[in-house]
Amino acid sequence: GEVIDTSYSASSGYYVTVQASDRVKYYYCHLKDVYVEKGDKVKQYDIIATTGNTGYRSTGPHLHLSLYINGAVYDVRELFE
């Protein structure tokens, strides 16, 4: 996919958004270190960031991953079943 956004927000902390296809987008937040920039091409197994505890909505060190398909949010646990 392509990194379409990476920045910092007060609630999400450091975050990265990856557009995997016309329909699929991944949003990673509460990150500690970000290793990619907007416009970078990434593929499976590339290290794009490290987990962290940034942003006021974080409840401790973890990875928050959101999956969007056609703009609707999906439960990422379904990817691992």
PDB file of N, CA and C in Angstrom:
ATOM      1  N   GLY A   1       0.818  -1.187   0.000  1.00  0.00           N
ATOM      2  CA  GLY A   1       0.000   0.000   0.000  1.00  0.00           C
ATOM      3  C   GLY A   1       0.858   1.245   0.000  1.00  0.00           C
ATOM      4  N   GLU A   2       0.195   2.365   0.171  1.00  0.00           N
ATOM      5  CA  GLU A   2       0.865   3.663   0.205  1.00  0.00           C
ATOM      6  C   GLU A   2       0.507   4.392   1.491  1.00  0.00           C
ATOM      7  N   VAL A   3       1.516   4.961   2.134  1.00  0.00           N
ATOM      8  CA  VAL A   3       1.285   5.781   3.322  1.00  0.00           C
ATOM      9  C   VAL A   3       0.629   7.073   2.846  1.00  0.00           C
ATOM     10  N   ILE A   4      -0.605   7.316   3.297  1.00  0.00           N
ATOM     11  CA  ILE A   4      -1.326   8.513   2.857  1.00  0.00           C
ATOM     12  C   ILE A   4      -1.351   9.597   3.923  1.00  0.00           C
ATOM     13  N   ASP A   5      -0.975   9.222   5.168  1.00  0.00           N
ATOM     14  CA  ASP A   5      -0.942  10.225   6.223  1.00  0.00           C
ATOM     15  C   ASP A   5      -0.118   9.690   7.384  1.00  0.00           C
ATOM     16  N   THR A   6       0.642  10.562   7.992  1.00  0.00           N
ATOM     17  CA  THR A   6       1.345  10.263   9.231  1.00  0.00           C
ATOM     18  C   THR A   6       1.553  11.575   9.954  1.00  0.00           C
ATOM     19  N   SER A   7       1.177  11.589  11.222  1.00  0.00           N
ATOM     20  CA  SER A   7       1.252  12.831  11.975  1.00  0.00           C
ATOM     21  C   SER A   7       1.034  12.531  13.455  1.00  0.00           C
ATOM     22  N   TYR A   8       0.600  13.555  14.187  1.00  0.00           N
ATOM     23  CA  TYR A   8       0.297  13.444  15.612  1.00  0.00           C
ATOM     24  C   TYR A   8      -1.033  14.133  15.861  1.00  0.00           C
ATOM     25  N   SER A   9      -1.874  13.493  16.660  1.00  0.00           N
ATOM     26  CA  SER A   9      -3.094  14.162  17.121  1.00  0.00           C
ATOM     27  C   SER A   9      -3.177  13.978  18.630  1.00  0.00           C
ATOM     28  N   ALA A  10      -3.827  14.885  19.295  1.00  0.00           N
ATOM     29  CA  ALA A  10      -3.904  14.838  20.755  1.00  0.00           C
ATOM     30  C   ALA A  10      -4.547  13.541  21.245  1.00  0.00           C
ATOM     31  N   SER A  11      -5.576  13.059  20.573  1.00  0.00           N
ATOM     32  CA  SER A  11      -6.272  11.855  21.039  1.00  0.00           C
ATOM     33  C   SER A  11      -5.606  10.564  20.574  1.00  0.00           C
ATOM     34  N   SER A  12      -5.129  10.505  19.349  1.00  0.00           N
ATOM     35  CA  SER A  12      -4.562   9.273  18.788  1.00  0.00           C
ATOM     36  C   SER A  12      -3.054   9.175  18.943  1.00  0.00           C
ATOM     37  N   GLY A  13      -2.414  10.260  19.317  1.00  0.00           N
ATOM     38  CA  GLY A  13      -0.958  10.267  19.391  1.00  0.00           C
ATOM     39  C   GLY A  13      -0.359  10.197  18.001  1.00  0.00           C
ATOM     40  N   TYR A  14       0.828   9.613  17.889  1.00  0.00           N
ATOM     41  CA  TYR A  14       1.444   9.436  16.578  1.00  0.00           C
ATOM     42  C   TYR A  14       0.674   8.353  15.830  1.00  0.00           C
ATOM     43  N   TYR A  15       0.414   8.592  14.551  1.00  0.00           N
ATOM     44  CA  TYR A  15      -0.374   7.645  13.775  1.00  0.00           C
ATOM     45  C   TYR A  15       0.129   7.550  12.342  1.00  0.00           C
ATOM     46  N   VAL A  16      -0.251   6.445  11.681  1.00  0.00           N
ATOM     47  CA  VAL A  16       0.055   6.197  10.276  1.00  0.00           C
ATOM     48  C   VAL A  16      -1.209   5.657   9.622  1.00  0.00           C
ATOM     49  N   THR A  17      -1.523   6.156   8.429  1.00  0.00           N
ATOM     50  CA  THR A  17      -2.633   5.626   7.643  1.00  0.00           C
ATOM     51  C   THR A  17      -2.069   5.071   6.340  1.00  0.00           C
ATOM     52  N   VAL A  18      -2.408   3.813   6.048  1.00  0.00           N
ATOM     53  CA  VAL A  18      -1.943   3.142   4.838  1.00  0.00           C
ATOM     54  C   VAL A  18      -3.135   2.799   3.960  1.00  0.00           C
ATOM     55  N   GLN A  19      -3.090   3.235   2.718  1.00  0.00           N
ATOM     56  CA  GLN A  19      -4.118   2.889   1.732  1.00  0.00           C
ATOM     57  C   GLN A  19      -3.630   1.639   1.014  1.00  0.00           C
ATOM     58  N   ALA A  20      -4.275   0.501   1.260  1.00  0.00           N
ATOM     59  CA  ALA A  20      -3.839  -0.769   0.689  1.00  0.00           C
ATOM     60  C   ALA A  20      -4.411  -0.996  -0.711  1.00  0.00           C
ATOM     61  N   SER A  21      -5.597  -0.464  -0.961  1.00  0.00           N
ATOM     62  CA  SER A  21      -6.244  -0.573  -2.267  1.00  0.00           C
ATOM     63  C   SER A  21      -7.289   0.534  -2.350  1.00  0.00           C
ATOM     64  N   ASP A  22      -8.027   0.561  -3.442  1.00  0.00           N
ATOM     65  CA  ASP A  22      -9.087   1.573  -3.561  1.00  0.00           C
ATOM     66  C   ASP A  22     -10.101   1.465  -2.442  1.00  0.00           C
ATOM     67  N   ARG A  23     -10.277   0.256  -1.928  1.00  0.00           N
ATOM     68  CA  ARG A  23     -11.316   0.003  -0.927  1.00  0.00           C
ATOM     69  C   ARG A  23     -10.799  -0.122   0.498  1.00  0.00           C
ATOM     70  N   VAL A  24      -9.519  -0.466   0.679  1.00  0.00           N
ATOM     71  CA  VAL A  24      -9.014  -0.860   2.002  1.00  0.00           C
ATOM     72  C   VAL A  24      -7.981   0.128   2.536  1.00  0.00           C
ATOM     73  N   LYS A  25      -8.202   0.519   3.810  1.00  0.00           N
ATOM     74  CA  LYS A  25      -7.308   1.460   4.481  1.00  0.00           C
ATOM     75  C   LYS A  25      -7.053   0.962   5.901  1.00  0.00           C
ATOM     76  N   TYR A  26      -5.802   1.095   6.350  1.00  0.00           N
ATOM     77  CA  TYR A  26      -5.415   0.727   7.717  1.00  0.00           C
ATOM     78  C   TYR A  26      -4.968   1.978   8.462  1.00  0.00           C
ATOM     79  N   TYR A  27      -5.376   2.079   9.724  1.00  0.00           N
ATOM     80  CA  TYR A  27      -5.022   3.218  10.570  1.00  0.00           C
ATOM     81  C   TYR A  27      -4.368   2.664  11.832  1.00  0.00           C
ATOM     82  N   TYR A  28      -3.097   3.013  12.054  1.00  0.00           N
ATOM     83  CA  TYR A  28      -2.336   2.573  13.225  1.00  0.00           C
ATOM     84  C   TYR A  28      -2.114   3.801  14.103  1.00  0.00           C
ATOM     85  N   CYS A  29      -2.427   3.709  15.408  1.00  0.00           N
ATOM     86  CA  CYS A  29      -2.214   4.884  16.252  1.00  0.00           C
ATOM     87  C   CYS A  29      -1.681   4.514  17.630  1.00  0.00           C
ATOM     88  N   HIS A  30      -1.384   5.533  18.428  1.00  0.00           N
ATOM     89  CA  HIS A  30      -0.737   5.443  19.744  1.00  0.00           C
ATOM     90  C   HIS A  30       0.703   4.959  19.599  1.00  0.00           C
ATOM     91  N   LEU A  31       1.322   5.283  18.467  1.00  0.00           N
ATOM     92  CA  LEU A  31       2.652   4.792  18.135  1.00  0.00           C
ATOM     93  C   LEU A  31       3.739   5.554  18.885  1.00  0.00           C
ATOM     94  N   LYS A  32       4.877   4.910  19.061  1.00  0.00           N
ATOM     95  CA  LYS A  32       6.033   5.549  19.688  1.00  0.00           C
ATOM     96  C   LYS A  32       6.932   6.175  18.625  1.00  0.00           C
ATOM     97  N   ASP A  33       7.464   5.355  17.728  1.00  0.00           N
ATOM     98  CA  ASP A  33       8.352   5.822  16.671  1.00  0.00           C
ATOM     99  C   ASP A  33       7.741   5.473  15.324  1.00  0.00           C
ATOM    100  N   VAL A  34       7.758   6.423  14.401  1.00  0.00           N
ATOM    101  CA  VAL A  34       7.224   6.216  13.057  1.00  0.00           C
ATOM    102  C   VAL A  34       8.396   6.239  12.085  1.00  0.00           C
ATOM    103  N   TYR A  35       8.485   5.208  11.231  1.00  0.00           N
ATOM    104  CA  TYR A  35       9.610   5.058  10.313  1.00  0.00           C
ATOM    105  C   TYR A  35       9.258   5.326   8.854  1.00  0.00           C
ATOM    106  N   VAL A  36       8.037   5.753   8.576  1.00  0.00           N
ATOM    107  CA  VAL A  36       7.606   6.022   7.204  1.00  0.00           C
ATOM    108  C   VAL A  36       7.134   7.460   7.079  1.00  0.00           C
ATOM    109  N   GLU A  37       7.023   7.903   5.838  1.00  0.00           N
ATOM    110  CA  GLU A  37       6.528   9.243   5.540  1.00  0.00           C
ATOM    111  C   GLU A  37       5.417   9.144   4.500  1.00  0.00           C
ATOM    112  N   LYS A  38       4.618  10.180   4.433  1.00  0.00           N
ATOM    113  CA  LYS A  38       3.556  10.244   3.435  1.00  0.00           C
ATOM    114  C   LYS A  38       4.160  10.008   2.051  1.00  0.00           C
ATOM    115  N   GLY A  39       3.509   9.127   1.275  1.00  0.00           N
ATOM    116  CA  GLY A  39       3.973   8.815  -0.072  1.00  0.00           C
ATOM    117  C   GLY A  39       4.819   7.561  -0.159  1.00  0.00           C
ATOM    118  N   ASP A  40       5.323   7.062   0.985  1.00  0.00           N
ATOM    119  CA  ASP A  40       6.118   5.831   0.973  1.00  0.00           C
ATOM    120  C   ASP A  40       5.251   4.644   0.573  1.00  0.00           C
ATOM    121  N   LYS A  41       5.840   3.720  -0.176  1.00  0.00           N
ATOM    122  CA  LYS A  41       5.185   2.454  -0.514  1.00  0.00           C
ATOM    123  C   LYS A  41       5.619   1.429   0.528  1.00  0.00           C
ATOM    124  N   VAL A  42       4.663   0.675   1.062  1.00  0.00           N
ATOM    125  CA  VAL A  42       4.955  -0.343   2.069  1.00  0.00           C
ATOM    126  C   VAL A  42       4.294  -1.651   1.670  1.00  0.00           C
ATOM    127  N   LYS A  43       4.867  -2.743   2.190  1.00  0.00           N
ATOM    128  CA  LYS A  43       4.303  -4.061   1.915  1.00  0.00           C
ATOM    129  C   LYS A  43       4.288  -4.868   3.204  1.00  0.00           C
ATOM    130  N   GLN A  44       3.641  -6.010   3.141  1.00  0.00           N
ATOM    131  CA  GLN A  44       3.554  -6.884   4.306  1.00  0.00           C
ATOM    132  C   GLN A  44       4.952  -7.129   4.861  1.00  0.00           C
ATOM    133  N   TYR A  45       5.074  -7.096   6.174  1.00  0.00           N
ATOM    134  CA  TYR A  45       6.287  -7.329   6.956  1.00  0.00           C
ATOM    135  C   TYR A  45       7.221  -6.119   7.029  1.00  0.00           C
ATOM    136  N   ASP A  46       6.951  -5.041   6.302  1.00  0.00           N
ATOM    137  CA  ASP A  46       7.747  -3.823   6.484  1.00  0.00           C
ATOM    138  C   ASP A  46       7.479  -3.272   7.876  1.00  0.00           C
ATOM    139  N   ILE A  47       8.510  -2.787   8.523  1.00  0.00           N
ATOM    140  CA  ILE A  47       8.336  -2.141   9.828  1.00  0.00           C
ATOM    141  C   ILE A  47       8.047  -0.675   9.568  1.00  0.00           C
ATOM    142  N   ILE A  48       6.837  -0.258   9.943  1.00  0.00           N
ATOM    143  CA  ILE A  48       6.440   1.129   9.691  1.00  0.00           C
ATOM    144  C   ILE A  48       6.487   1.986  10.954  1.00  0.00           C
ATOM    145  N   ALA A  49       6.425   1.336  12.136  1.00  0.00           N
ATOM    146  CA  ALA A  49       6.403   2.072  13.395  1.00  0.00           C
ATOM    147  C   ALA A  49       6.593   1.094  14.549  1.00  0.00           C
ATOM    148  N   THR A  50       6.735   1.650  15.757  1.00  0.00           N
ATOM    149  CA  THR A  50       6.758   0.830  16.965  1.00  0.00           C
ATOM    150  C   THR A  50       5.553   1.194  17.821  1.00  0.00           C
ATOM    151  N   THR A  51       5.063   0.212  18.564  1.00  0.00           N
ATOM    152  CA  THR A  51       3.917   0.460  19.434  1.00  0.00           C
ATOM    153  C   THR A  51       4.295   1.436  20.526  1.00  0.00           C
ATOM    154  N   GLY A  52       3.308   2.108  21.054  1.00  0.00           N
ATOM    155  CA  GLY A  52       3.593   3.101  22.076  1.00  0.00           C
ATOM    156  C   GLY A  52       2.405   3.382  22.961  1.00  0.00           C
ATOM    157  N   ASN A  53       2.448   4.553  23.555  1.00  0.00           N
ATOM    158  CA  ASN A  53       1.438   4.985  24.521  1.00  0.00           C
ATOM    159  C   ASN A  53       1.182   6.476  24.339  1.00  0.00           C
ATOM    160  N   THR A  54       1.104   6.934  23.080  1.00  0.00           N
ATOM    161  CA  THR A  54       0.932   8.358  22.820  1.00  0.00           C
ATOM    162  C   THR A  54      -0.539   8.693  22.615  1.00  0.00           C
ATOM    163  N   GLY A  55      -0.882   9.925  22.902  1.00  0.00           N
ATOM    164  CA  GLY A  55      -2.255  10.391  22.774  1.00  0.00           C
ATOM    165  C   GLY A  55      -3.031  10.184  24.065  1.00  0.00           C
ATOM    166  N   TYR A  56      -3.913  11.126  24.375  1.00  0.00           N
ATOM    167  CA  TYR A  56      -4.621  11.060  25.659  1.00  0.00           C
ATOM    168  C   TYR A  56      -5.636   9.927  25.742  1.00  0.00           C
ATOM    169  N   ARG A  57      -6.012   9.318  24.605  1.00  0.00           N
ATOM    170  CA  ARG A  57      -6.972   8.216  24.646  1.00  0.00           C
ATOM    171  C   ARG A  57      -6.290   6.864  24.812  1.00  0.00           C
ATOM    172  N   SER A  58      -4.966   6.843  24.884  1.00  0.00           N
ATOM    173  CA  SER A  58      -4.249   5.587  25.068  1.00  0.00           C
ATOM    174  C   SER A  58      -4.392   5.119  26.510  1.00  0.00           C
ATOM    175  N   THR A  59      -4.530   3.804  26.677  1.00  0.00           N
ATOM    176  CA  THR A  59      -4.706   3.231  28.013  1.00  0.00           C
ATOM    177  C   THR A  59      -3.464   2.489  28.491  1.00  0.00           C
ATOM    178  N   GLY A  60      -2.380   2.625  27.743  1.00  0.00           N
ATOM    179  CA  GLY A  60      -1.122   1.947  28.050  1.00  0.00           C
ATOM    180  C   GLY A  60      -0.475   1.545  26.744  1.00  0.00           C
ATOM    181  N   PRO A  61       0.754   1.071  26.781  1.00  0.00           N
ATOM    182  CA  PRO A  61       1.446   0.696  25.544  1.00  0.00           C
ATOM    183  C   PRO A  61       0.690  -0.407  24.803  1.00  0.00           C
ATOM    184  N   HIS A  62       0.375  -0.147  23.559  1.00  0.00           N
ATOM    185  CA  HIS A  62      -0.336  -1.110  22.723  1.00  0.00           C
ATOM    186  C   HIS A  62      -0.374  -0.605  21.289  1.00  0.00           C
ATOM    187  N   LEU A  63      -0.823  -1.450  20.384  1.00  0.00           N
ATOM    188  CA  LEU A  63      -1.073  -1.042  19.007  1.00  0.00           C
ATOM    189  C   LEU A  63      -2.572  -0.948  18.800  1.00  0.00           C
ATOM    190  N   HIS A  64      -3.017   0.201  18.374  1.00  0.00           N
ATOM    191  CA  HIS A  64      -4.417   0.382  17.998  1.00  0.00           C
ATOM    192  C   HIS A  64      -4.456   0.324  16.477  1.00  0.00           C
ATOM    193  N   LEU A  65      -5.134  -0.673  15.930  1.00  0.00           N
ATOM    194  CA  LEU A  65      -5.245  -0.859  14.485  1.00  0.00           C
ATOM    195  C   LEU A  65      -6.704  -0.808  14.088  1.00  0.00           C
ATOM    196  N   SER A  66      -7.023   0.084  13.146  1.00  0.00           N
ATOM    197  CA  SER A  66      -8.381   0.155  12.604  1.00  0.00           C
ATOM    198  C   SER A  66      -8.330  -0.229  11.137  1.00  0.00           C
ATOM    199  N   LEU A  67      -9.348  -0.940  10.693  1.00  0.00           N
ATOM    200  CA  LEU A  67      -9.476  -1.384   9.310  1.00  0.00           C
ATOM    201  C   LEU A  67     -10.722  -0.742   8.717  1.00  0.00           C
ATOM    202  N   TYR A  68     -10.556  -0.106   7.567  1.00  0.00           N
ATOM    203  CA  TYR A  68     -11.680   0.511   6.866  1.00  0.00           C
ATOM    204  C   TYR A  68     -11.817  -0.141   5.498  1.00  0.00           C
ATOM    205  N   ILE A  69     -13.010  -0.622   5.195  1.00  0.00           N
ATOM    206  CA  ILE A  69     -13.303  -1.172   3.876  1.00  0.00           C
ATOM    207  C   ILE A  69     -14.469  -0.382   3.308  1.00  0.00           C
ATOM    208  N   ASN A  70     -14.238   0.248   2.177  1.00  0.00           N
ATOM    209  CA  ASN A  70     -15.240   1.134   1.559  1.00  0.00           C
ATOM    210  C   ASN A  70     -15.725   2.185   2.550  1.00  0.00           C
ATOM    211  N   GLY A  71     -14.828   2.664   3.408  1.00  0.00           N
ATOM    212  CA  GLY A  71     -15.151   3.722   4.352  1.00  0.00           C
ATOM    213  C   GLY A  71     -15.790   3.264   5.647  1.00  0.00           C
ATOM    214  N   ALA A  72     -16.178   1.991   5.739  1.00  0.00           N
ATOM    215  CA  ALA A  72     -16.801   1.467   6.963  1.00  0.00           C
ATOM    216  C   ALA A  72     -15.741   0.791   7.825  1.00  0.00           C
ATOM    217  N   VAL A  73     -15.866   0.947   9.142  1.00  0.00           N
ATOM    218  CA  VAL A  73     -14.911   0.349  10.071  1.00  0.00           C
ATOM    219  C   VAL A  73     -15.248  -1.131  10.270  1.00  0.00           C
ATOM    220  N   TYR A  74     -14.210  -1.987  10.235  1.00  0.00           N
ATOM    221  CA  TYR A  74     -14.366  -3.419  10.471  1.00  0.00           C
ATOM    222  C   TYR A  74     -13.524  -3.843  11.663  1.00  0.00           C
ATOM    223  N   ASP A  75     -13.946  -4.892  12.325  1.00  0.00           N
ATOM    224  CA  ASP A  75     -13.230  -5.449  13.468  1.00  0.00           C
ATOM    225  C   ASP A  75     -11.999  -6.188  12.947  1.00  0.00           C
ATOM    226  N   VAL A  76     -10.804  -5.719  13.299  1.00  0.00           N
ATOM    227  CA  VAL A  76      -9.569  -6.325  12.784  1.00  0.00           C
ATOM    228  C   VAL A  76      -9.364  -7.744  13.312  1.00  0.00           C
ATOM    229  N   ARG A  77     -10.031  -8.112  14.377  1.00  0.00           N
ATOM    230  CA  ARG A  77      -9.896  -9.481  14.881  1.00  0.00           C
ATOM    231  C   ARG A  77     -10.333 -10.498  13.834  1.00  0.00           C
ATOM    232  N   GLU A  78     -11.238 -10.088  12.944  1.00  0.00           N
ATOM    233  CA  GLU A  78     -11.691 -10.983  11.879  1.00  0.00           C
ATOM    234  C   GLU A  78     -10.549 -11.359  10.926  1.00  0.00           C
ATOM    235  N   LEU A  79      -9.528 -10.514  10.839  1.00  0.00           N
ATOM    236  CA  LEU A  79      -8.375 -10.812   9.985  1.00  0.00           C
ATOM    237  C   LEU A  79      -7.572 -11.989  10.506  1.00  0.00           C
ATOM    238  N   PHE A  80      -7.629 -12.222  11.806  1.00  0.00           N
ATOM    239  CA  PHE A  80      -6.784 -13.216  12.441  1.00  0.00           C
ATOM    240  C   PHE A  80      -7.517 -14.505  12.764  1.00  0.00           C
ATOM    241  N   GLU A  81      -8.761 -14.607  12.374  1.00  0.00           N
ATOM    242  CA  GLU A  81      -9.538 -15.825  12.640  1.00  0.00           C
ATOM    243  C   GLU A  81      -9.338 -16.854  11.552  1.00  0.00           C
TER     244      GLU A  81
END
